[in-house]
Amino acid sequence: MKITKFFIIAFILFGIQICSAQTDLEAITATLMDYVEGTANGEPERVKRAFHEDLNLYSIANDSLRVWHGQDYTGGIKQGKKSNRIGRIVSIDYENDAACAKIEILMPGPKRIYTDYLLLLKYQGSWKIIHKSYTYVNYPAE
C-alpha cells in the first residue's frame, strides 16, 4: 500500500512538472510571437511587452560592435505601419527561469534573411527578451 501511495504522489508531482514546463514553453512562445508579429504588423506595444525595458540589440558592422538601445528600436515601430517581414521561431531552449531562442526573419524588400539570437528571463512572473544579437545574409543569387 505504501508503494502505491509513493507512485501516486510521484506521478502527480511529475504531472505538475510537465504542465509547468508546457506553460513556460507556451509563455516563451507568446513572448517571441509578440516580438515577431508586433514588428511585422506595426504594433509597438506588443514589442514593448516582449522586451525588457533595458534590452539592447547587438550586431557587427564593419568589424565593429554596434549597440542599438531597445527603446530606440521600439520607438521606430509606427502604430499600424506593416512591414514586409516574415518571421518564424527556429528554436527555443529553456531551463527554469532562463531561455534562449533563435528567430529567422525574411525581409523580401532588401532581400535579406536575418537571424536573431534572443536571451529571455522569467522576470516578475512573465518572460521578457533581455538581449538580442542579430546578423543577416543576402538572399542567394537567382
N, C-alpha and C. Protein backbone atom coordinates (compact mmCIF):
# COMPACT_ATOMS: atom_id res chain seq x y z
N MET A 1 0.82 -1.19 0.00
CA MET A 1 0.00 0.00 0.00
C MET A 1 0.87 1.26 0.00
N LYS A 2 1.96 1.22 0.79
CA LYS A 2 2.85 2.38 0.83
C LYS A 2 3.50 2.63 -0.53
N ILE A 3 3.82 1.55 -1.22
CA ILE A 3 4.44 1.69 -2.54
C ILE A 3 3.45 2.31 -3.51
N THR A 4 2.20 1.94 -3.44
CA THR A 4 1.17 2.50 -4.32
C THR A 4 1.02 4.00 -4.06
N LYS A 5 0.98 4.41 -2.81
CA LYS A 5 0.89 5.84 -2.48
C LYS A 5 2.10 6.59 -2.99
N PHE A 6 3.28 5.97 -2.86
CA PHE A 6 4.51 6.61 -3.35
C PHE A 6 4.41 6.87 -4.85
N PHE A 7 3.96 5.86 -5.60
CA PHE A 7 3.86 6.01 -7.05
C PHE A 7 2.79 7.03 -7.43
N ILE A 8 1.70 7.08 -6.71
CA ILE A 8 0.65 8.07 -6.98
C ILE A 8 1.18 9.48 -6.75
N ILE A 9 1.87 9.68 -5.63
CA ILE A 9 2.43 11.00 -5.33
C ILE A 9 3.49 11.38 -6.37
N ALA A 10 4.36 10.43 -6.71
CA ALA A 10 5.40 10.69 -7.71
C ALA A 10 4.77 11.04 -9.06
N PHE A 11 3.71 10.31 -9.44
CA PHE A 11 3.03 10.58 -10.71
C PHE A 11 2.41 11.97 -10.72
N ILE A 12 1.78 12.36 -9.62
CA ILE A 12 1.16 13.69 -9.53
C ILE A 12 2.23 14.77 -9.63
N LEU A 13 3.34 14.61 -8.91
CA LEU A 13 4.41 15.61 -8.96
C LEU A 13 5.01 15.70 -10.36
N PHE A 14 5.21 14.56 -11.00
CA PHE A 14 5.74 14.54 -12.36
C PHE A 14 4.77 15.23 -13.31
N GLY A 15 3.46 14.98 -13.15
CA GLY A 15 2.44 15.62 -13.98
C GLY A 15 2.42 17.12 -13.81
N ILE A 16 2.56 17.59 -12.58
CA ILE A 16 2.61 19.03 -12.30
C ILE A 16 3.82 19.64 -12.98
N GLN A 17 4.96 18.95 -12.92
CA GLN A 17 6.18 19.45 -13.54
C GLN A 17 6.02 19.56 -15.05
N ILE A 18 5.40 18.57 -15.68
CA ILE A 18 5.18 18.61 -17.13
C ILE A 18 4.25 19.75 -17.49
N CYS A 19 3.16 19.94 -16.74
CA CYS A 19 2.22 21.03 -17.01
C CYS A 19 2.92 22.38 -16.88
N SER A 20 3.76 22.52 -15.89
CA SER A 20 4.50 23.77 -15.70
C SER A 20 5.44 24.02 -16.87
N ALA A 21 6.12 22.97 -17.34
CA ALA A 21 7.04 23.12 -18.47
C ALA A 21 6.28 23.53 -19.72
N GLN A 22 5.12 22.94 -19.97
CA GLN A 22 4.33 23.33 -21.13
C GLN A 22 3.87 24.77 -21.01
N THR A 23 3.50 25.17 -19.83
CA THR A 23 3.06 26.54 -19.61
C THR A 23 4.20 27.51 -19.89
N ASP A 24 5.41 27.22 -19.42
CA ASP A 24 6.55 28.09 -19.69
C ASP A 24 6.85 28.12 -21.19
N LEU A 25 6.82 26.97 -21.85
CA LEU A 25 7.09 26.95 -23.28
C LEU A 25 6.05 27.78 -24.04
N GLU A 26 4.80 27.66 -23.64
CA GLU A 26 3.75 28.46 -24.28
C GLU A 26 3.96 29.95 -24.00
N ALA A 27 4.36 30.29 -22.79
CA ALA A 27 4.59 31.70 -22.45
C ALA A 27 5.79 32.27 -23.20
N ILE A 28 6.84 31.49 -23.33
CA ILE A 28 8.02 31.92 -24.10
C ILE A 28 7.62 32.13 -25.56
N THR A 29 6.87 31.18 -26.11
CA THR A 29 6.42 31.29 -27.50
C THR A 29 5.55 32.53 -27.68
N ALA A 30 4.67 32.81 -26.74
CA ALA A 30 3.81 34.00 -26.84
C ALA A 30 4.66 35.28 -26.82
N THR A 31 5.68 35.32 -25.97
CA THR A 31 6.58 36.49 -25.92
C THR A 31 7.29 36.66 -27.26
N LEU A 32 7.80 35.57 -27.79
CA LEU A 32 8.50 35.64 -29.08
C LEU A 32 7.56 36.08 -30.20
N MET A 33 6.32 35.60 -30.17
CA MET A 33 5.36 35.99 -31.20
C MET A 33 4.94 37.45 -31.04
N ASP A 34 4.93 37.97 -29.80
CA ASP A 34 4.69 39.41 -29.63
C ASP A 34 5.76 40.20 -30.35
N TYR A 35 7.00 39.75 -30.26
CA TYR A 35 8.11 40.42 -30.95
C TYR A 35 7.95 40.26 -32.47
N VAL A 36 7.81 39.03 -32.95
CA VAL A 36 7.76 38.76 -34.39
C VAL A 36 6.56 39.43 -35.04
N GLU A 37 5.38 39.22 -34.49
CA GLU A 37 4.17 39.78 -35.10
C GLU A 37 4.04 41.28 -34.84
N GLY A 38 4.51 41.73 -33.68
CA GLY A 38 4.45 43.16 -33.37
C GLY A 38 5.29 43.99 -34.32
N THR A 39 6.48 43.50 -34.67
CA THR A 39 7.33 44.24 -35.60
C THR A 39 6.76 44.16 -37.02
N ALA A 40 6.19 43.02 -37.40
CA ALA A 40 5.65 42.86 -38.75
C ALA A 40 4.38 43.67 -38.96
N ASN A 41 3.57 43.80 -37.92
CA ASN A 41 2.25 44.43 -38.07
C ASN A 41 2.16 45.85 -37.53
N GLY A 42 3.29 46.44 -37.17
CA GLY A 42 3.26 47.81 -36.67
C GLY A 42 2.53 47.92 -35.34
N GLU A 43 2.91 47.08 -34.40
CA GLU A 43 2.30 47.07 -33.07
C GLU A 43 3.37 47.30 -32.00
N PRO A 44 3.78 48.55 -31.81
CA PRO A 44 4.88 48.81 -30.89
C PRO A 44 4.60 48.37 -29.45
N GLU A 45 3.36 48.41 -29.01
CA GLU A 45 3.05 48.00 -27.63
C GLU A 45 3.28 46.50 -27.44
N ARG A 46 3.01 45.72 -28.47
CA ARG A 46 3.29 44.28 -28.39
C ARG A 46 4.78 44.03 -28.27
N VAL A 47 5.56 44.77 -29.05
CA VAL A 47 7.01 44.60 -29.00
C VAL A 47 7.54 45.04 -27.64
N LYS A 48 7.04 46.15 -27.13
CA LYS A 48 7.46 46.62 -25.80
C LYS A 48 7.10 45.61 -24.73
N ARG A 49 5.97 44.94 -24.88
CA ARG A 49 5.55 43.91 -23.92
C ARG A 49 6.53 42.74 -23.93
N ALA A 50 7.09 42.43 -25.09
CA ALA A 50 8.03 41.31 -25.22
C ALA A 50 9.41 41.64 -24.67
N PHE A 51 9.82 42.90 -24.78
CA PHE A 51 11.18 43.31 -24.40
C PHE A 51 11.23 43.81 -22.96
N HIS A 52 12.31 43.49 -22.29
CA HIS A 52 12.60 44.14 -21.01
C HIS A 52 13.02 45.57 -21.32
N GLU A 53 12.70 46.50 -20.46
CA GLU A 53 12.97 47.92 -20.73
C GLU A 53 14.46 48.23 -20.90
N ASP A 54 15.34 47.40 -20.39
CA ASP A 54 16.79 47.63 -20.51
C ASP A 54 17.42 46.86 -21.66
N LEU A 55 16.61 46.27 -22.53
CA LEU A 55 17.13 45.49 -23.64
C LEU A 55 17.98 46.35 -24.58
N ASN A 56 19.06 45.77 -25.06
CA ASN A 56 19.85 46.35 -26.14
C ASN A 56 19.95 45.32 -27.25
N LEU A 57 20.20 45.79 -28.46
CA LEU A 57 20.39 44.94 -29.62
C LEU A 57 21.84 45.07 -30.04
N TYR A 58 22.44 43.96 -30.44
CA TYR A 58 23.86 43.94 -30.78
C TYR A 58 24.06 43.30 -32.15
N SER A 59 24.94 43.92 -32.93
CA SER A 59 25.32 43.35 -34.22
C SER A 59 26.74 43.81 -34.53
N ILE A 60 27.26 43.31 -35.62
CA ILE A 60 28.60 43.69 -36.08
C ILE A 60 28.45 44.45 -37.40
N ALA A 61 29.08 45.59 -37.50
CA ALA A 61 29.11 46.38 -38.74
C ALA A 61 30.55 46.82 -38.98
N ASN A 62 31.09 46.50 -40.13
CA ASN A 62 32.48 46.85 -40.46
C ASN A 62 33.45 46.39 -39.38
N ASP A 63 33.24 45.17 -38.90
CA ASP A 63 34.08 44.53 -37.89
C ASP A 63 34.08 45.28 -36.55
N SER A 64 33.03 46.06 -36.30
CA SER A 64 32.88 46.78 -35.03
C SER A 64 31.54 46.42 -34.40
N LEU A 65 31.53 46.42 -33.08
CA LEU A 65 30.30 46.15 -32.35
C LEU A 65 29.35 47.32 -32.46
N ARG A 66 28.12 47.03 -32.88
CA ARG A 66 27.08 48.06 -32.97
C ARG A 66 26.05 47.77 -31.89
N VAL A 67 25.77 48.76 -31.05
CA VAL A 67 24.79 48.62 -29.98
C VAL A 67 23.62 49.56 -30.27
N TRP A 68 22.44 49.01 -30.23
CA TRP A 68 21.22 49.75 -30.51
C TRP A 68 20.34 49.62 -29.28
N HIS A 69 19.97 50.74 -28.68
CA HIS A 69 19.15 50.71 -27.48
C HIS A 69 17.74 50.25 -27.83
N GLY A 70 17.22 49.35 -27.03
CA GLY A 70 15.90 48.78 -27.28
C GLY A 70 14.81 49.81 -27.38
N GLN A 71 14.88 50.86 -26.57
CA GLN A 71 13.85 51.90 -26.62
C GLN A 71 13.89 52.65 -27.96
N ASP A 72 15.09 52.83 -28.52
CA ASP A 72 15.20 53.45 -29.85
C ASP A 72 14.61 52.53 -30.92
N TYR A 73 14.86 51.24 -30.76
CA TYR A 73 14.32 50.25 -31.71
C TYR A 73 12.80 50.26 -31.69
N THR A 74 12.21 50.14 -30.51
CA THR A 74 10.75 50.11 -30.43
C THR A 74 10.14 51.46 -30.81
N GLY A 75 10.88 52.55 -30.57
CA GLY A 75 10.40 53.88 -30.96
C GLY A 75 10.27 54.04 -32.46
N GLY A 76 11.00 53.22 -33.22
CA GLY A 76 10.94 53.28 -34.68
C GLY A 76 9.79 52.49 -35.28
N ILE A 77 9.07 51.74 -34.45
CA ILE A 77 7.92 50.97 -34.94
C ILE A 77 6.69 51.86 -34.88
N LYS A 78 6.10 52.13 -36.02
CA LYS A 78 4.95 53.03 -36.11
C LYS A 78 3.65 52.24 -36.06
N GLN A 79 2.74 52.67 -35.19
CA GLN A 79 1.45 52.00 -35.00
C GLN A 79 0.73 51.83 -36.33
N GLY A 80 0.38 50.59 -36.65
CA GLY A 80 -0.40 50.28 -37.85
C GLY A 80 0.40 50.20 -39.13
N LYS A 81 1.69 50.56 -39.10
CA LYS A 81 2.51 50.50 -40.31
C LYS A 81 3.14 49.12 -40.43
N LYS A 82 2.56 48.32 -41.31
CA LYS A 82 3.05 46.96 -41.51
C LYS A 82 4.36 46.99 -42.28
N SER A 83 5.22 46.04 -41.94
CA SER A 83 6.47 45.90 -42.69
C SER A 83 6.43 44.58 -43.45
N ASN A 84 7.24 44.48 -44.43
CA ASN A 84 7.29 43.29 -45.25
C ASN A 84 8.27 42.29 -44.64
N ARG A 85 7.93 41.81 -43.44
CA ARG A 85 8.77 40.86 -42.69
C ARG A 85 8.00 39.56 -42.51
N ILE A 86 8.71 38.46 -42.66
CA ILE A 86 8.11 37.16 -42.40
C ILE A 86 9.00 36.47 -41.38
N GLY A 87 8.49 36.30 -40.18
CA GLY A 87 9.29 35.73 -39.11
C GLY A 87 8.81 34.37 -38.67
N ARG A 88 9.76 33.59 -38.15
CA ARG A 88 9.40 32.29 -37.59
C ARG A 88 10.38 31.94 -36.48
N ILE A 89 9.88 31.17 -35.53
CA ILE A 89 10.71 30.67 -34.44
C ILE A 89 11.42 29.42 -34.93
N VAL A 90 12.74 29.44 -34.87
CA VAL A 90 13.53 28.29 -35.30
C VAL A 90 13.72 27.32 -34.13
N SER A 91 14.06 27.88 -32.94
CA SER A 91 14.28 27.00 -31.79
C SER A 91 14.10 27.77 -30.49
N ILE A 92 13.78 27.01 -29.45
CA ILE A 92 13.68 27.53 -28.09
C ILE A 92 14.35 26.52 -27.17
N ASP A 93 15.19 27.01 -26.28
CA ASP A 93 15.80 26.17 -25.26
C ASP A 93 15.63 26.90 -23.94
N TYR A 94 15.18 26.21 -22.91
CA TYR A 94 14.98 26.88 -21.63
C TYR A 94 15.21 25.93 -20.47
N GLU A 95 15.52 26.52 -19.36
CA GLU A 95 15.69 25.81 -18.10
C GLU A 95 15.30 26.76 -16.99
N ASN A 96 14.34 26.34 -16.16
CA ASN A 96 13.91 27.12 -15.02
C ASN A 96 13.44 28.51 -15.46
N ASP A 97 14.21 29.57 -15.17
CA ASP A 97 13.78 30.93 -15.49
C ASP A 97 14.65 31.61 -16.55
N ALA A 98 15.38 30.82 -17.33
CA ALA A 98 16.23 31.36 -18.38
C ALA A 98 15.97 30.61 -19.69
N ALA A 99 16.02 31.35 -20.81
CA ALA A 99 15.76 30.74 -22.11
C ALA A 99 16.57 31.44 -23.19
N CYS A 100 16.78 30.72 -24.28
CA CYS A 100 17.35 31.34 -25.47
C CYS A 100 16.53 30.87 -26.67
N ALA A 101 16.45 31.72 -27.67
CA ALA A 101 15.65 31.41 -28.84
C ALA A 101 16.37 31.89 -30.09
N LYS A 102 16.09 31.20 -31.17
CA LYS A 102 16.60 31.61 -32.48
C LYS A 102 15.40 31.91 -33.35
N ILE A 103 15.42 33.09 -33.96
CA ILE A 103 14.34 33.57 -34.82
C ILE A 103 14.91 33.84 -36.21
N GLU A 104 14.15 33.53 -37.23
CA GLU A 104 14.55 33.85 -38.60
C GLU A 104 13.54 34.83 -39.17
N ILE A 105 14.04 35.91 -39.75
CA ILE A 105 13.19 36.95 -40.33
C ILE A 105 13.56 37.11 -41.81
N LEU A 106 12.61 36.83 -42.69
CA LEU A 106 12.82 37.05 -44.12
C LEU A 106 12.38 38.47 -44.44
N MET A 107 13.27 39.21 -45.10
CA MET A 107 12.99 40.60 -45.49
C MET A 107 13.05 40.68 -47.02
N PRO A 108 11.90 40.48 -47.69
CA PRO A 108 11.89 40.49 -49.15
C PRO A 108 12.35 41.82 -49.76
N GLY A 109 12.05 42.96 -49.10
CA GLY A 109 12.44 44.26 -49.65
C GLY A 109 13.94 44.36 -49.88
N PRO A 110 14.74 44.32 -48.81
CA PRO A 110 16.19 44.40 -49.00
C PRO A 110 16.82 43.05 -49.38
N LYS A 111 15.96 42.02 -49.54
CA LYS A 111 16.42 40.68 -49.92
C LYS A 111 17.46 40.14 -48.93
N ARG A 112 17.05 40.16 -47.64
CA ARG A 112 17.93 39.67 -46.58
C ARG A 112 17.19 38.65 -45.73
N ILE A 113 17.97 37.77 -45.14
CA ILE A 113 17.47 36.84 -44.14
C ILE A 113 18.20 37.15 -42.85
N TYR A 114 17.46 37.66 -41.87
CA TYR A 114 18.04 37.99 -40.57
C TYR A 114 17.91 36.79 -39.65
N THR A 115 18.91 36.60 -38.81
CA THR A 115 18.87 35.61 -37.75
C THR A 115 19.05 36.35 -36.44
N ASP A 116 18.07 36.20 -35.55
CA ASP A 116 18.10 36.82 -34.23
C ASP A 116 18.37 35.74 -33.19
N TYR A 117 19.30 36.02 -32.30
CA TYR A 117 19.55 35.18 -31.14
C TYR A 117 19.08 35.97 -29.92
N LEU A 118 18.09 35.44 -29.22
CA LEU A 118 17.45 36.16 -28.13
C LEU A 118 17.67 35.43 -26.81
N LEU A 119 17.96 36.20 -25.76
CA LEU A 119 18.01 35.67 -24.41
C LEU A 119 16.77 36.18 -23.68
N LEU A 120 16.13 35.30 -22.95
CA LEU A 120 14.93 35.65 -22.19
C LEU A 120 15.11 35.23 -20.73
N LEU A 121 14.48 35.98 -19.85
CA LEU A 121 14.40 35.62 -18.44
C LEU A 121 12.96 35.73 -17.99
N LYS A 122 12.58 34.85 -17.08
CA LYS A 122 11.25 34.95 -16.47
C LYS A 122 11.37 35.96 -15.35
N TYR A 123 10.81 37.12 -15.57
CA TYR A 123 11.01 38.29 -14.72
C TYR A 123 9.67 38.76 -14.19
N GLN A 124 9.51 38.77 -12.89
CA GLN A 124 8.27 39.18 -12.24
C GLN A 124 7.06 38.44 -12.81
N GLY A 125 7.25 37.14 -13.03
CA GLY A 125 6.15 36.28 -13.45
C GLY A 125 5.91 36.19 -14.95
N SER A 126 6.66 36.93 -15.76
CA SER A 126 6.47 36.82 -17.21
C SER A 126 7.83 36.77 -17.92
N TRP A 127 7.83 36.16 -19.08
CA TRP A 127 9.05 36.04 -19.87
C TRP A 127 9.30 37.33 -20.64
N LYS A 128 10.54 37.82 -20.57
CA LYS A 128 10.94 39.04 -21.26
C LYS A 128 12.22 38.77 -22.05
N ILE A 129 12.29 39.35 -23.24
CA ILE A 129 13.53 39.30 -24.02
C ILE A 129 14.46 40.35 -23.41
N ILE A 130 15.63 39.91 -22.95
CA ILE A 130 16.56 40.84 -22.29
C ILE A 130 17.77 41.17 -23.16
N HIS A 131 17.95 40.42 -24.25
CA HIS A 131 19.13 40.61 -25.10
C HIS A 131 18.79 40.12 -26.51
N LYS A 132 19.23 40.88 -27.50
CA LYS A 132 19.07 40.45 -28.89
C LYS A 132 20.38 40.69 -29.62
N SER A 133 20.94 39.61 -30.18
CA SER A 133 22.07 39.71 -31.10
C SER A 133 21.56 39.24 -32.46
N TYR A 134 21.98 39.92 -33.50
CA TYR A 134 21.46 39.55 -34.81
C TYR A 134 22.52 39.70 -35.89
N THR A 135 22.26 39.02 -36.99
CA THR A 135 23.09 39.09 -38.18
C THR A 135 22.19 38.85 -39.38
N TYR A 136 22.72 39.01 -40.58
CA TYR A 136 21.92 38.73 -41.77
C TYR A 136 22.81 38.25 -42.89
N VAL A 137 22.16 37.60 -43.85
CA VAL A 137 22.79 37.25 -45.11
C VAL A 137 21.85 37.73 -46.21
N ASN A 138 22.42 38.05 -47.36
CA ASN A 138 21.60 38.41 -48.51
C ASN A 138 20.99 37.15 -49.11
N TYR A 139 19.83 37.30 -49.76
CA TYR A 139 19.22 36.17 -50.43
C TYR A 139 20.22 35.58 -51.42
N PRO A 140 20.18 34.30 -51.60
CA PRO A 140 21.06 33.71 -52.62
C PRO A 140 20.74 34.27 -54.00
N ALA A 141 21.76 34.46 -54.81
CA ALA A 141 21.57 34.99 -56.17
C ALA A 141 20.72 34.02 -56.97
N GLU A 142 19.84 34.57 -57.77
CA GLU A 142 18.95 33.72 -58.58
C GLU A 142 19.53 33.40 -59.91
